[in-house]
Amino acid sequence: MQVFPHAYVGSETQVGFGSIVNTGAIVSHECVLGECVNISPGALLAGRVQVGDRALIGMGVTVNLQVQVGAGARVGTAPP
């Protein structure tokens, strides 16, 4: 696991092997990140979010409470 500068990982969060929490990202309490997950800069995961193996959460994305993101998923923001 790598946690970059200015990132936050909350209490009781589980982070799998090879996962990255990038600069300025927030992973709140009781989240579960699978293996090789990429949380991009500025992303926000609210409490109890589950992210499957090899998933990518894009820059500036907010994932609401108790959401499950499947393995291999790519979550991004819509263009303006």
PDB file of N, CA and C in Angstrom:
ATOM      1  N   MET A   1       0.856  -1.185   0.000  1.00  0.00           N
ATOM      2  CA  MET A   1       0.000   0.000   0.000  1.00  0.00           C
ATOM      3  C   MET A   1       0.890   1.232   0.000  1.00  0.00           C
ATOM      4  N   GLN A   2       0.485   2.218  -0.790  1.00  0.00           N
ATOM      5  CA  GLN A   2       1.148   3.513  -0.784  1.00  0.00           C
ATOM      6  C   GLN A   2       0.114   4.586  -0.467  1.00  0.00           C
ATOM      7  N   VAL A   3       0.464   5.460   0.464  1.00  0.00           N
ATOM      8  CA  VAL A   3      -0.375   6.615   0.769  1.00  0.00           C
ATOM      9  C   VAL A   3       0.478   7.845   0.492  1.00  0.00           C
ATOM     10  N   PHE A   4       0.055   8.645  -0.495  1.00  0.00           N
ATOM     11  CA  PHE A   4       0.813   9.797  -0.929  1.00  0.00           C
ATOM     12  C   PHE A   4       0.588  10.983   0.016  1.00  0.00           C
ATOM     13  N   PRO A   5       1.428  12.046  -0.119  1.00  0.00           N
ATOM     14  CA  PRO A   5       1.296  13.215   0.751  1.00  0.00           C
ATOM     15  C   PRO A   5      -0.106  13.835   0.685  1.00  0.00           C
ATOM     16  N   HIS A   6      -0.547  14.330   1.823  1.00  0.00           N
ATOM     17  CA  HIS A   6      -1.827  15.020   1.979  1.00  0.00           C
ATOM     18  C   HIS A   6      -3.040  14.116   1.739  1.00  0.00           C
ATOM     19  N   ALA A   7      -2.840  12.811   1.739  1.00  0.00           N
ATOM     20  CA  ALA A   7      -3.949  11.857   1.654  1.00  0.00           C
ATOM     21  C   ALA A   7      -4.317  11.444   3.073  1.00  0.00           C
ATOM     22  N   TYR A   8      -5.542  10.951   3.232  1.00  0.00           N
ATOM     23  CA  TYR A   8      -6.031  10.528   4.546  1.00  0.00           C
ATOM     24  C   TYR A   8      -6.703   9.167   4.418  1.00  0.00           C
ATOM     25  N   VAL A   9      -6.351   8.262   5.330  1.00  0.00           N
ATOM     26  CA  VAL A   9      -6.997   6.952   5.409  1.00  0.00           C
ATOM     27  C   VAL A   9      -7.575   6.829   6.811  1.00  0.00           C
ATOM     28  N   GLY A  10      -8.902   6.670   6.887  1.00  0.00           N
ATOM     29  CA  GLY A  10      -9.609   6.670   8.166  1.00  0.00           C
ATOM     30  C   GLY A  10      -9.446   5.396   8.973  1.00  0.00           C
ATOM     31  N   SER A  11      -9.979   5.450  10.182  1.00  0.00           N
ATOM     32  CA  SER A  11      -9.876   4.339  11.116  1.00  0.00           C
ATOM     33  C   SER A  11     -10.620   3.110  10.612  1.00  0.00           C
ATOM     34  N   GLU A  12     -10.071   1.954  10.952  1.00  0.00           N
ATOM     35  CA  GLU A  12     -10.642   0.640  10.634  1.00  0.00           C
ATOM     36  C   GLU A  12     -10.802   0.401   9.134  1.00  0.00           C
ATOM     37  N   THR A  13     -10.037   1.123   8.323  1.00  0.00           N
ATOM     38  CA  THR A  13     -10.044   0.903   6.878  1.00  0.00           C
ATOM     39  C   THR A  13      -9.059  -0.200   6.543  1.00  0.00           C
ATOM     40  N   GLN A  14      -9.432  -1.065   5.598  1.00  0.00           N
ATOM     41  CA  GLN A  14      -8.569  -2.154   5.145  1.00  0.00           C
ATOM     42  C   GLN A  14      -8.130  -1.859   3.722  1.00  0.00           C
ATOM     43  N   VAL A  15      -6.830  -1.927   3.488  1.00  0.00           N
ATOM     44  CA  VAL A  15      -6.290  -1.627   2.162  1.00  0.00           C
ATOM     45  C   VAL A  15      -5.492  -2.826   1.676  1.00  0.00           C
ATOM     46  N   GLY A  16      -5.845  -3.318   0.483  1.00  0.00           N
ATOM     47  CA  GLY A  16      -5.204  -4.502  -0.065  1.00  0.00           C
ATOM     48  C   GLY A  16      -3.826  -4.232  -0.638  1.00  0.00           C
ATOM     49  N   PHE A  17      -3.098  -5.318  -0.882  1.00  0.00           N
ATOM     50  CA  PHE A  17      -1.748  -5.281  -1.432  1.00  0.00           C
ATOM     51  C   PHE A  17      -1.713  -4.530  -2.764  1.00  0.00           C
ATOM     52  N   GLY A  18      -0.730  -3.664  -2.924  1.00  0.00           N
ATOM     53  CA  GLY A  18      -0.523  -2.965  -4.186  1.00  0.00           C
ATOM     54  C   GLY A  18      -1.447  -1.796  -4.437  1.00  0.00           C
ATOM     55  N   SER A  19      -2.257  -1.418  -3.465  1.00  0.00           N
ATOM     56  CA  SER A  19      -3.200  -0.315  -3.651  1.00  0.00           C
ATOM     57  C   SER A  19      -2.538   1.029  -3.382  1.00  0.00           C
ATOM     58  N   ILE A  20      -3.078   2.080  -4.030  1.00  0.00           N
ATOM     59  CA  ILE A  20      -2.530   3.426  -3.914  1.00  0.00           C
ATOM     60  C   ILE A  20      -3.644   4.393  -3.518  1.00  0.00           C
ATOM     61  N   VAL A  21      -3.364   5.223  -2.512  1.00  0.00           N
ATOM     62  CA  VAL A  21      -4.234   6.336  -2.149  1.00  0.00           C
ATOM     63  C   VAL A  21      -3.427   7.587  -2.484  1.00  0.00           C
ATOM     64  N   ASN A  22      -3.803   8.257  -3.569  1.00  0.00           N
ATOM     65  CA  ASN A  22      -2.989   9.316  -4.137  1.00  0.00           C
ATOM     66  C   ASN A  22      -3.175  10.651  -3.412  1.00  0.00           C
ATOM     67  N   THR A  23      -2.378  11.629  -3.801  1.00  0.00           N
ATOM     68  CA  THR A  23      -2.301  12.942  -3.177  1.00  0.00           C
ATOM     69  C   THR A  23      -3.685  13.577  -2.992  1.00  0.00           C
ATOM     70  N   GLY A  24      -3.973  13.996  -1.764  1.00  0.00           N
ATOM     71  CA  GLY A  24      -5.203  14.711  -1.466  1.00  0.00           C
ATOM     72  C   GLY A  24      -6.459  13.860  -1.428  1.00  0.00           C
ATOM     73  N   ALA A  25      -6.326  12.553  -1.615  1.00  0.00           N
ATOM     74  CA  ALA A  25      -7.498  11.670  -1.562  1.00  0.00           C
ATOM     75  C   ALA A  25      -7.885  11.423  -0.102  1.00  0.00           C
ATOM     76  N   ILE A  26      -9.172  11.176   0.107  1.00  0.00           N
ATOM     77  CA  ILE A  26      -9.681  10.871   1.446  1.00  0.00           C
ATOM     78  C   ILE A  26     -10.435   9.552   1.385  1.00  0.00           C
ATOM     79  N   VAL A  27      -9.995   8.612   2.201  1.00  0.00           N
ATOM     80  CA  VAL A  27     -10.681   7.327   2.344  1.00  0.00           C
ATOM     81  C   VAL A  27     -11.178   7.291   3.782  1.00  0.00           C
ATOM     82  N   SER A  28     -12.470   7.433   3.957  1.00  0.00           N
ATOM     83  CA  SER A  28     -13.034   7.603   5.288  1.00  0.00           C
ATOM     84  C   SER A  28     -13.069   6.278   6.065  1.00  0.00           C
ATOM     85  N   HIS A  29     -13.723   6.291   7.194  1.00  0.00           N
ATOM     86  CA  HIS A  29     -13.755   5.182   8.140  1.00  0.00           C
ATOM     87  C   HIS A  29     -14.373   3.895   7.569  1.00  0.00           C
ATOM     88  N   GLU A  30     -13.815   2.775   7.965  1.00  0.00           N
ATOM     89  CA  GLU A  30     -14.358   1.439   7.709  1.00  0.00           C
ATOM     90  C   GLU A  30     -14.518   1.094   6.224  1.00  0.00           C
ATOM     91  N   CYS A  31     -13.693   1.690   5.366  1.00  0.00           N
ATOM     92  CA  CYS A  31     -13.717   1.320   3.950  1.00  0.00           C
ATOM     93  C   CYS A  31     -12.891   0.055   3.746  1.00  0.00           C
ATOM     94  N   VAL A  32     -13.167  -0.651   2.663  1.00  0.00           N
ATOM     95  CA  VAL A  32     -12.404  -1.848   2.302  1.00  0.00           C
ATOM     96  C   VAL A  32     -11.964  -1.688   0.853  1.00  0.00           C
ATOM     97  N   LEU A  33     -10.642  -1.616   0.649  1.00  0.00           N
ATOM     98  CA  LEU A  33     -10.088  -1.518  -0.690  1.00  0.00           C
ATOM     99  C   LEU A  33      -9.433  -2.858  -1.026  1.00  0.00           C
ATOM    100  N   GLY A  34      -9.759  -3.407  -2.184  1.00  0.00           N
ATOM    101  CA  GLY A  34      -9.170  -4.672  -2.610  1.00  0.00           C
ATOM    102  C   GLY A  34      -7.716  -4.493  -3.022  1.00  0.00           C
ATOM    103  N   GLU A  35      -7.181  -5.488  -3.731  1.00  0.00           N
ATOM    104  CA  GLU A  35      -5.803  -5.448  -4.194  1.00  0.00           C
ATOM    105  C   GLU A  35      -5.675  -4.600  -5.459  1.00  0.00           C
ATOM    106  N   CYS A  36      -4.562  -3.877  -5.553  1.00  0.00           N
ATOM    107  CA  CYS A  36      -4.213  -3.070  -6.739  1.00  0.00           C
ATOM    108  C   CYS A  36      -5.286  -2.038  -7.085  1.00  0.00           C
ATOM    109  N   VAL A  37      -5.914  -1.454  -6.089  1.00  0.00           N
ATOM    110  CA  VAL A  37      -6.900  -0.384  -6.278  1.00  0.00           C
ATOM    111  C   VAL A  37      -6.153   0.937  -6.398  1.00  0.00           C
ATOM    112  N   ASN A  38      -6.645   1.823  -7.263  1.00  0.00           N
ATOM    113  CA  ASN A  38      -6.051   3.147  -7.425  1.00  0.00           C
ATOM    114  C   ASN A  38      -7.090   4.206  -7.063  1.00  0.00           C
ATOM    115  N   ILE A  39      -6.822   4.929  -5.986  1.00  0.00           N
ATOM    116  CA  ILE A  39      -7.661   6.060  -5.593  1.00  0.00           C
ATOM    117  C   ILE A  39      -6.915   7.304  -6.068  1.00  0.00           C
ATOM    118  N   SER A  40      -7.443   7.972  -7.081  1.00  0.00           N
ATOM    119  CA  SER A  40      -6.761   9.088  -7.745  1.00  0.00           C
ATOM    120  C   SER A  40      -6.765  10.349  -6.884  1.00  0.00           C
ATOM    121  N   PRO A  41      -5.929  11.338  -7.269  1.00  0.00           N
ATOM    122  CA  PRO A  41      -5.842  12.577  -6.492  1.00  0.00           C
ATOM    123  C   PRO A  41      -7.201  13.247  -6.305  1.00  0.00           C
ATOM    124  N   GLY A  42      -7.452  13.678  -5.071  1.00  0.00           N
ATOM    125  CA  GLY A  42      -8.660  14.430  -4.763  1.00  0.00           C
ATOM    126  C   GLY A  42      -9.935  13.626  -4.653  1.00  0.00           C
ATOM    127  N   ALA A  43      -9.866  12.308  -4.798  1.00  0.00           N
ATOM    128  CA  ALA A  43     -11.071  11.478  -4.666  1.00  0.00           C
ATOM    129  C   ALA A  43     -11.488  11.407  -3.200  1.00  0.00           C
ATOM    130  N   LEU A  44     -12.782  11.203  -2.976  1.00  0.00           N
ATOM    131  CA  LEU A  44     -13.326  11.103  -1.621  1.00  0.00           C
ATOM    132  C   LEU A  44     -14.204   9.868  -1.524  1.00  0.00           C
ATOM    133  N   LEU A  45     -13.858   8.965  -0.620  1.00  0.00           N
ATOM    134  CA  LEU A  45     -14.689   7.799  -0.333  1.00  0.00           C
ATOM    135  C   LEU A  45     -15.293   8.008   1.048  1.00  0.00           C
ATOM    136  N   ALA A  46     -16.630   8.067   1.121  1.00  0.00           N
ATOM    137  CA  ALA A  46     -17.307   8.223   2.408  1.00  0.00           C
ATOM    138  C   ALA A  46     -17.197   6.896   3.175  1.00  0.00           C
ATOM    139  N   GLY A  47     -17.746   6.832   4.352  1.00  0.00           N
ATOM    140  CA  GLY A  47     -17.620   5.665   5.211  1.00  0.00           C
ATOM    141  C   GLY A  47     -18.209   4.381   4.638  1.00  0.00           C
ATOM    142  N   ARG A  48     -17.564   3.275   4.973  1.00  0.00           N
ATOM    143  CA  ARG A  48     -18.004   1.911   4.655  1.00  0.00           C
ATOM    144  C   ARG A  48     -18.135   1.633   3.154  1.00  0.00           C
ATOM    145  N   VAL A  49     -17.324   2.292   2.342  1.00  0.00           N
ATOM    146  CA  VAL A  49     -17.297   2.024   0.906  1.00  0.00           C
ATOM    147  C   VAL A  49     -16.433   0.780   0.675  1.00  0.00           C
ATOM    148  N   GLN A  50     -16.853  -0.073  -0.247  1.00  0.00           N
ATOM    149  CA  GLN A  50     -16.082  -1.259  -0.623  1.00  0.00           C
ATOM    150  C   GLN A  50     -15.675  -1.127  -2.086  1.00  0.00           C
ATOM    151  N   VAL A  51     -14.387  -1.293  -2.354  1.00  0.00           N
ATOM    152  CA  VAL A  51     -13.863  -1.173  -3.711  1.00  0.00           C
ATOM    153  C   VAL A  51     -13.176  -2.489  -4.061  1.00  0.00           C
ATOM    154  N   GLY A  52     -13.614  -3.124  -5.155  1.00  0.00           N
ATOM    155  CA  GLY A  52     -13.077  -4.413  -5.563  1.00  0.00           C
ATOM    156  C   GLY A  52     -11.679  -4.318  -6.159  1.00  0.00           C
ATOM    157  N   ASP A  53     -11.028  -5.470  -6.300  1.00  0.00           N
ATOM    158  CA  ASP A  53      -9.674  -5.565  -6.848  1.00  0.00           C
ATOM    159  C   ASP A  53      -9.562  -4.867  -8.200  1.00  0.00           C
ATOM    160  N   ARG A  54      -8.439  -4.198  -8.407  1.00  0.00           N
ATOM    161  CA  ARG A  54      -8.061  -3.565  -9.678  1.00  0.00           C
ATOM    162  C   ARG A  54      -8.995  -2.448 -10.132  1.00  0.00           C
ATOM    163  N   ALA A  55      -9.809  -1.917  -9.225  1.00  0.00           N
ATOM    164  CA  ALA A  55     -10.712  -0.812  -9.580  1.00  0.00           C
ATOM    165  C   ALA A  55      -9.955   0.519  -9.540  1.00  0.00           C
ATOM    166  N   LEU A  56     -10.461   1.484 -10.287  1.00  0.00           N
ATOM    167  CA  LEU A  56      -9.886   2.823 -10.336  1.00  0.00           C
ATOM    168  C   LEU A  56     -10.972   3.834  -9.979  1.00  0.00           C
ATOM    169  N   ILE A  57     -10.683   4.674  -8.997  1.00  0.00           N
ATOM    170  CA  ILE A  57     -11.572   5.784  -8.649  1.00  0.00           C
ATOM    171  C   ILE A  57     -10.881   7.046  -9.170  1.00  0.00           C
ATOM    172  N   GLY A  58     -11.521   7.747 -10.111  1.00  0.00           N
ATOM    173  CA  GLY A  58     -10.904   8.871 -10.822  1.00  0.00           C
ATOM    174  C   GLY A  58     -10.729  10.120  -9.988  1.00  0.00           C
ATOM    175  N   MET A  59     -10.032  11.092 -10.592  1.00  0.00           N
ATOM    176  CA  MET A  59      -9.724  12.351  -9.923  1.00  0.00           C
ATOM    177  C   MET A  59     -10.983  13.105  -9.523  1.00  0.00           C
ATOM    178  N   GLY A  60     -11.043  13.531  -8.257  1.00  0.00           N
ATOM    179  CA  GLY A  60     -12.133  14.356  -7.777  1.00  0.00           C
ATOM    180  C   GLY A  60     -13.471  13.648  -7.617  1.00  0.00           C
ATOM    181  N   VAL A  61     -13.513  12.354  -7.783  1.00  0.00           N
ATOM    182  CA  VAL A  61     -14.769  11.601  -7.657  1.00  0.00           C
ATOM    183  C   VAL A  61     -15.157  11.480  -6.186  1.00  0.00           C
ATOM    184  N   THR A  62     -16.452  11.598  -5.897  1.00  0.00           N
ATOM    185  CA  THR A  62     -16.981  11.348  -4.561  1.00  0.00           C
ATOM    186  C   THR A  62     -17.837  10.089  -4.612  1.00  0.00           C
ATOM    187  N   VAL A  63     -17.537   9.145  -3.727  1.00  0.00           N
ATOM    188  CA  VAL A  63     -18.318   7.907  -3.616  1.00  0.00           C
ATOM    189  C   VAL A  63     -19.057   7.972  -2.290  1.00  0.00           C
ATOM    190  N   ASN A  64     -20.390   7.907  -2.338  1.00  0.00           N
ATOM    191  CA  ASN A  64     -21.222   8.068  -1.147  1.00  0.00           C
ATOM    192  C   ASN A  64     -21.132   6.882  -0.185  1.00  0.00           C
ATOM    193  N   LEU A  65     -21.688   7.068   1.000  1.00  0.00           N
ATOM    194  CA  LEU A  65     -21.678   6.059   2.064  1.00  0.00           C
ATOM    195  C   LEU A  65     -22.163   4.694   1.589  1.00  0.00           C
ATOM    196  N   GLN A  66     -21.466   3.660   2.022  1.00  0.00           N
ATOM    197  CA  GLN A  66     -21.858   2.253   1.881  1.00  0.00           C
ATOM    198  C   GLN A  66     -22.045   1.792   0.432  1.00  0.00           C
ATOM    199  N   VAL A  67     -21.389   2.440  -0.513  1.00  0.00           N
ATOM    200  CA  VAL A  67     -21.465   2.029  -1.918  1.00  0.00           C
ATOM    201  C   VAL A  67     -20.443   0.920  -2.166  1.00  0.00           C
ATOM    202  N   GLN A  68     -20.790  -0.015  -3.040  1.00  0.00           N
ATOM    203  CA  GLN A  68     -19.869  -1.079  -3.450  1.00  0.00           C
ATOM    204  C   GLN A  68     -19.463  -0.839  -4.896  1.00  0.00           C
ATOM    205  N   VAL A  69     -18.159  -0.773  -5.131  1.00  0.00           N
ATOM    206  CA  VAL A  69     -17.612  -0.609  -6.470  1.00  0.00           C
ATOM    207  C   VAL A  69     -17.004  -1.957  -6.860  1.00  0.00           C
ATOM    208  N   GLY A  70     -17.421  -2.501  -7.985  1.00  0.00           N
ATOM    209  CA  GLY A  70     -17.006  -3.843  -8.383  1.00  0.00           C
ATOM    210  C   GLY A  70     -15.562  -3.927  -8.843  1.00  0.00           C
ATOM    211  N   ALA A  71     -15.054  -5.151  -8.866  1.00  0.00           N
ATOM    212  CA  ALA A  71     -13.689  -5.426  -9.315  1.00  0.00           C
ATOM    213  C   ALA A  71     -13.512  -4.959 -10.755  1.00  0.00           C
ATOM    214  N   GLY A  72     -12.405  -4.292 -11.027  1.00  0.00           N
ATOM    215  CA  GLY A  72     -12.087  -3.846 -12.368  1.00  0.00           C
ATOM    216  C   GLY A  72     -12.852  -2.623 -12.836  1.00  0.00           C
ATOM    217  N   ALA A  73     -13.702  -2.053 -11.992  1.00  0.00           N
ATOM    218  CA  ALA A  73     -14.514  -0.891 -12.381  1.00  0.00           C
ATOM    219  C   ALA A  73     -13.646   0.349 -12.557  1.00  0.00           C
ATOM    220  N   ARG A  74     -14.119   1.255 -13.401  1.00  0.00           N
ATOM    221  CA  ARG A  74     -13.503   2.562 -13.584  1.00  0.00           C
ATOM    222  C   ARG A  74     -14.583   3.595 -13.292  1.00  0.00           C
ATOM    223  N   VAL A  75     -14.359   4.410 -12.241  1.00  0.00           N
ATOM    224  CA  VAL A  75     -15.355   5.396 -11.841  1.00  0.00           C
ATOM    225  C   VAL A  75     -14.758   6.765 -12.101  1.00  0.00           C
ATOM    226  N   GLY A  76     -15.439   7.584 -12.906  1.00  0.00           N
ATOM    227  CA  GLY A  76     -14.919   8.908 -13.242  1.00  0.00           C
ATOM    228  C   GLY A  76     -16.019   9.938 -13.229  1.00  0.00           C
ATOM    229  N   THR A  77     -15.616  11.173 -13.398  1.00  0.00           N
ATOM    230  CA  THR A  77     -16.576  12.260 -13.466  1.00  0.00           C
ATOM    231  C   THR A  77     -16.987  12.471 -14.924  1.00  0.00           C
ATOM    232  N   ALA A  78     -18.182  12.979 -15.115  1.00  0.00           N
ATOM    233  CA  ALA A  78     -18.677  13.265 -16.463  1.00  0.00           C
ATOM    234  C   ALA A  78     -18.085  14.582 -16.941  1.00  0.00           C
ATOM    235  N   PRO A  79     -17.805  14.710 -18.234  1.00  0.00           N
ATOM    236  CA  PRO A  79     -17.289  15.974 -18.741  1.00  0.00           C
ATOM    237  C   PRO A  79     -18.353  17.069 -18.613  1.00  0.00           C
ATOM    238  N   PRO A  80     -17.907  18.338 -18.512  1.00  0.00           N
ATOM    239  CA  PRO A  80     -18.882  19.440 -18.333  1.00  0.00           C
ATOM    240  C   PRO A  80     -19.780  19.620 -19.530  1.00  0.00           C
TER     241      PRO A  80
END
